Amino acid sequence: MSEILEIVMILSFGASWPMNVIKSYKARTTKGKSLGFLLLIFFGYIAGIASKLVNEAYMSNISSKWYVLFFYCLNLLMVGADLLLYIRNKKLDDQKEAEKK
């Protein structure tokens, strides 16, 4: 049962991150975004991936449970993309601010 709940959590986050990345891309600003939050989520996914890799019981059954690790990695990539967009958008915000002066 715990594996099913973990899969539901990962899939829910997995569905949310692409929408967030698209919103960040279109918004072209960091307003309403928190770098600290993004970094915490990013490192949380790294910890989740690491926990799977060091779990002997999981690794012994990875051929039948590979999809859990796959979705952790996919979500990590989405958060990474959002972090890159944050950097881009921060530069755009700085340029807009410099043009106002």
C-alpha atoms as a PDB file:
ATOM      1  CA  MET A   1       0.000   0.000   0.000  1.00  0.00           C
ATOM      2  CA  SER A   2       2.832   2.427   0.798  1.00  0.00           C
ATOM      3  CA  GLU A   3       4.279   1.922  -2.692  1.00  0.00           C
ATOM      4  CA  ILE A   4       0.943   2.815  -4.293  1.00  0.00           C
ATOM      5  CA  LEU A   5       0.710   5.990  -2.208  1.00  0.00           C
ATOM      6  CA  GLU A   6       4.286   6.900  -3.134  1.00  0.00           C
ATOM      7  CA  ILE A   7       3.476   6.419  -6.811  1.00  0.00           C
ATOM      8  CA  VAL A   8       0.372   8.621  -6.481  1.00  0.00           C
ATOM      9  CA  MET A   9       2.489  11.338  -4.821  1.00  0.00           C
ATOM     10  CA  ILE A  10       5.195  11.160  -7.482  1.00  0.00           C
ATOM     11  CA  LEU A  11       2.654  11.196 -10.334  1.00  0.00           C
ATOM     12  CA  SER A  12       0.803  14.152  -8.797  1.00  0.00           C
ATOM     13  CA  PHE A  13       4.025  16.125  -8.528  1.00  0.00           C
ATOM     14  CA  GLY A  14       5.013  14.910 -11.976  1.00  0.00           C
ATOM     15  CA  ALA A  15       1.830  16.337 -13.460  1.00  0.00           C
ATOM     16  CA  SER A  16       2.270  19.643 -11.637  1.00  0.00           C
ATOM     17  CA  TRP A  17       5.882  20.442 -12.546  1.00  0.00           C
ATOM     18  CA  PRO A  18       5.463  20.679 -16.331  1.00  0.00           C
ATOM     19  CA  MET A  19       2.622  23.161 -15.816  1.00  0.00           C
ATOM     20  CA  ASN A  20       4.843  25.165 -13.471  1.00  0.00           C
ATOM     21  CA  VAL A  21       7.731  25.143 -15.960  1.00  0.00           C
ATOM     22  CA  ILE A  22       5.446  26.375 -18.753  1.00  0.00           C
ATOM     23  CA  LYS A  23       4.116  29.131 -16.492  1.00  0.00           C
ATOM     24  CA  SER A  24       7.676  30.208 -15.618  1.00  0.00           C
ATOM     25  CA  TYR A  25       8.645  30.221 -19.285  1.00  0.00           C
ATOM     26  CA  LYS A  26       5.691  32.363 -20.313  1.00  0.00           C
ATOM     27  CA  ALA A  27       5.809  34.721 -17.316  1.00  0.00           C
ATOM     28  CA  ARG A  28       9.404  35.827 -17.990  1.00  0.00           C
ATOM     29  CA  THR A  29       9.680  37.081 -14.392  1.00  0.00           C
ATOM     30  CA  THR A  30      10.619  35.727 -10.990  1.00  0.00           C
ATOM     31  CA  LYS A  31       7.772  37.544  -9.292  1.00  0.00           C
ATOM     32  CA  GLY A  32       5.794  35.041  -7.279  1.00  0.00           C
ATOM     33  CA  LYS A  33       8.608  32.479  -7.336  1.00  0.00           C
ATOM     34  CA  SER A  34      10.819  31.447  -4.440  1.00  0.00           C
ATOM     35  CA  LEU A  35      14.365  30.339  -5.174  1.00  0.00           C
ATOM     36  CA  GLY A  36      14.613  28.836  -1.680  1.00  0.00           C
ATOM     37  CA  PHE A  37      11.508  26.735  -2.290  1.00  0.00           C
ATOM     38  CA  LEU A  38      12.791  25.478  -5.636  1.00  0.00           C
ATOM     39  CA  LEU A  39      16.162  24.568  -4.129  1.00  0.00           C
ATOM     40  CA  LEU A  40      14.512  22.692  -1.244  1.00  0.00           C
ATOM     41  CA  ILE A  41      12.378  20.694  -3.654  1.00  0.00           C
ATOM     42  CA  PHE A  42      15.403  20.022  -5.896  1.00  0.00           C
ATOM     43  CA  PHE A  43      17.494  18.708  -3.014  1.00  0.00           C
ATOM     44  CA  GLY A  44      14.501  16.778  -1.698  1.00  0.00           C
ATOM     45  CA  TYR A  45      14.286  14.882  -4.977  1.00  0.00           C
ATOM     46  CA  ILE A  46      18.023  14.209  -4.837  1.00  0.00           C
ATOM     47  CA  ALA A  47      17.535  12.778  -1.343  1.00  0.00           C
ATOM     48  CA  GLY A  48      14.593  10.680  -2.573  1.00  0.00           C
ATOM     49  CA  ILE A  49      16.657   9.282  -5.435  1.00  0.00           C
ATOM     50  CA  ALA A  50      19.575   8.593  -3.105  1.00  0.00           C
ATOM     51  CA  SER A  51      17.257   6.816  -0.658  1.00  0.00           C
ATOM     52  CA  LYS A  52      16.151   4.467  -3.433  1.00  0.00           C
ATOM     53  CA  LEU A  53      19.715   3.817  -4.568  1.00  0.00           C
ATOM     54  CA  VAL A  54      20.947   2.889  -1.078  1.00  0.00           C
ATOM     55  CA  ASN A  55      17.881   0.800  -0.203  1.00  0.00           C
ATOM     56  CA  GLU A  56      18.972  -2.804  -0.721  1.00  0.00           C
ATOM     57  CA  ALA A  57      15.406  -4.136  -0.772  1.00  0.00           C
ATOM     58  CA  TYR A  58      14.424  -1.656  -3.487  1.00  0.00           C
ATOM     59  CA  MET A  59      17.548  -2.236  -5.555  1.00  0.00           C
ATOM     60  CA  SER A  60      17.082  -6.017  -5.404  1.00  0.00           C
ATOM     61  CA  ASN A  61      13.644  -5.543  -7.024  1.00  0.00           C
ATOM     62  CA  ILE A  62      14.527  -2.639  -9.321  1.00  0.00           C
ATOM     63  CA  SER A  63      13.554  -4.609 -12.421  1.00  0.00           C
ATOM     64  CA  SER A  64       9.933  -4.582 -11.251  1.00  0.00           C
ATOM     65  CA  LYS A  65       9.995  -1.156  -9.550  1.00  0.00           C
ATOM     66  CA  TRP A  66      12.163   0.892 -11.933  1.00  0.00           C
ATOM     67  CA  TYR A  67       9.291   3.292 -12.656  1.00  0.00           C
ATOM     68  CA  VAL A  68       9.412   4.831  -9.163  1.00  0.00           C
ATOM     69  CA  LEU A  69      13.037   5.870  -9.623  1.00  0.00           C
ATOM     70  CA  PHE A  70      12.250   7.005 -13.177  1.00  0.00           C
ATOM     71  CA  PHE A  71       9.568   9.417 -11.968  1.00  0.00           C
ATOM     72  CA  TYR A  72      11.808  10.751  -9.197  1.00  0.00           C
ATOM     73  CA  CYS A  73      14.427  11.512 -11.863  1.00  0.00           C
ATOM     74  CA  LEU A  74      11.853  13.006 -14.236  1.00  0.00           C
ATOM     75  CA  ASN A  75      10.533  15.294 -11.486  1.00  0.00           C
ATOM     76  CA  LEU A  76      14.104  16.294 -10.618  1.00  0.00           C
ATOM     77  CA  LEU A  77      14.628  17.295 -14.262  1.00  0.00           C
ATOM     78  CA  MET A  78      11.441  19.372 -14.217  1.00  0.00           C
ATOM     79  CA  VAL A  79      12.512  21.206 -11.062  1.00  0.00           C
ATOM     80  CA  GLY A  80      15.955  21.679 -12.626  1.00  0.00           C
ATOM     81  CA  ALA A  81      14.331  23.204 -15.699  1.00  0.00           C
ATOM     82  CA  ASP A  82      12.328  25.532 -13.470  1.00  0.00           C
ATOM     83  CA  LEU A  83      15.542  26.535 -11.678  1.00  0.00           C
ATOM     84  CA  LEU A  84      17.165  27.357 -15.025  1.00  0.00           C
ATOM     85  CA  LEU A  85      14.127  29.404 -15.980  1.00  0.00           C
ATOM     86  CA  TYR A  86      14.353  31.195 -12.648  1.00  0.00           C
ATOM     87  CA  ILE A  87      17.912  32.228 -13.513  1.00  0.00           C
ATOM     88  CA  ARG A  88      16.804  33.390 -16.976  1.00  0.00           C
ATOM     89  CA  ASN A  89      13.841  35.263 -15.578  1.00  0.00           C
ATOM     90  CA  LYS A  90      15.967  36.897 -12.876  1.00  0.00           C
ATOM     91  CA  LYS A  91      18.259  38.261 -15.598  1.00  0.00           C
ATOM     92  CA  LEU A  92      15.212  39.552 -17.489  1.00  0.00           C
ATOM     93  CA  ASP A  93      13.911  41.203 -14.311  1.00  0.00           C
ATOM     94  CA  ASP A  94      17.301  42.831 -13.745  1.00  0.00           C
ATOM     95  CA  GLN A  95      17.362  44.100 -17.342  1.00  0.00           C
ATOM     96  CA  LYS A  96      13.881  45.577 -16.994  1.00  0.00           C
ATOM     97  CA  GLU A  97      14.887  47.262 -13.750  1.00  0.00           C
ATOM     98  CA  ALA A  98      18.042  48.709 -15.352  1.00  0.00           C
ATOM     99  CA  GLU A  99      16.005  50.085 -18.272  1.00  0.00           C
ATOM    100  CA  LYS A 100      13.727  51.946 -15.853  1.00  0.00           C
ATOM    101  CA  LYS A 101      16.668  53.898 -14.418  1.00  0.00           C
END
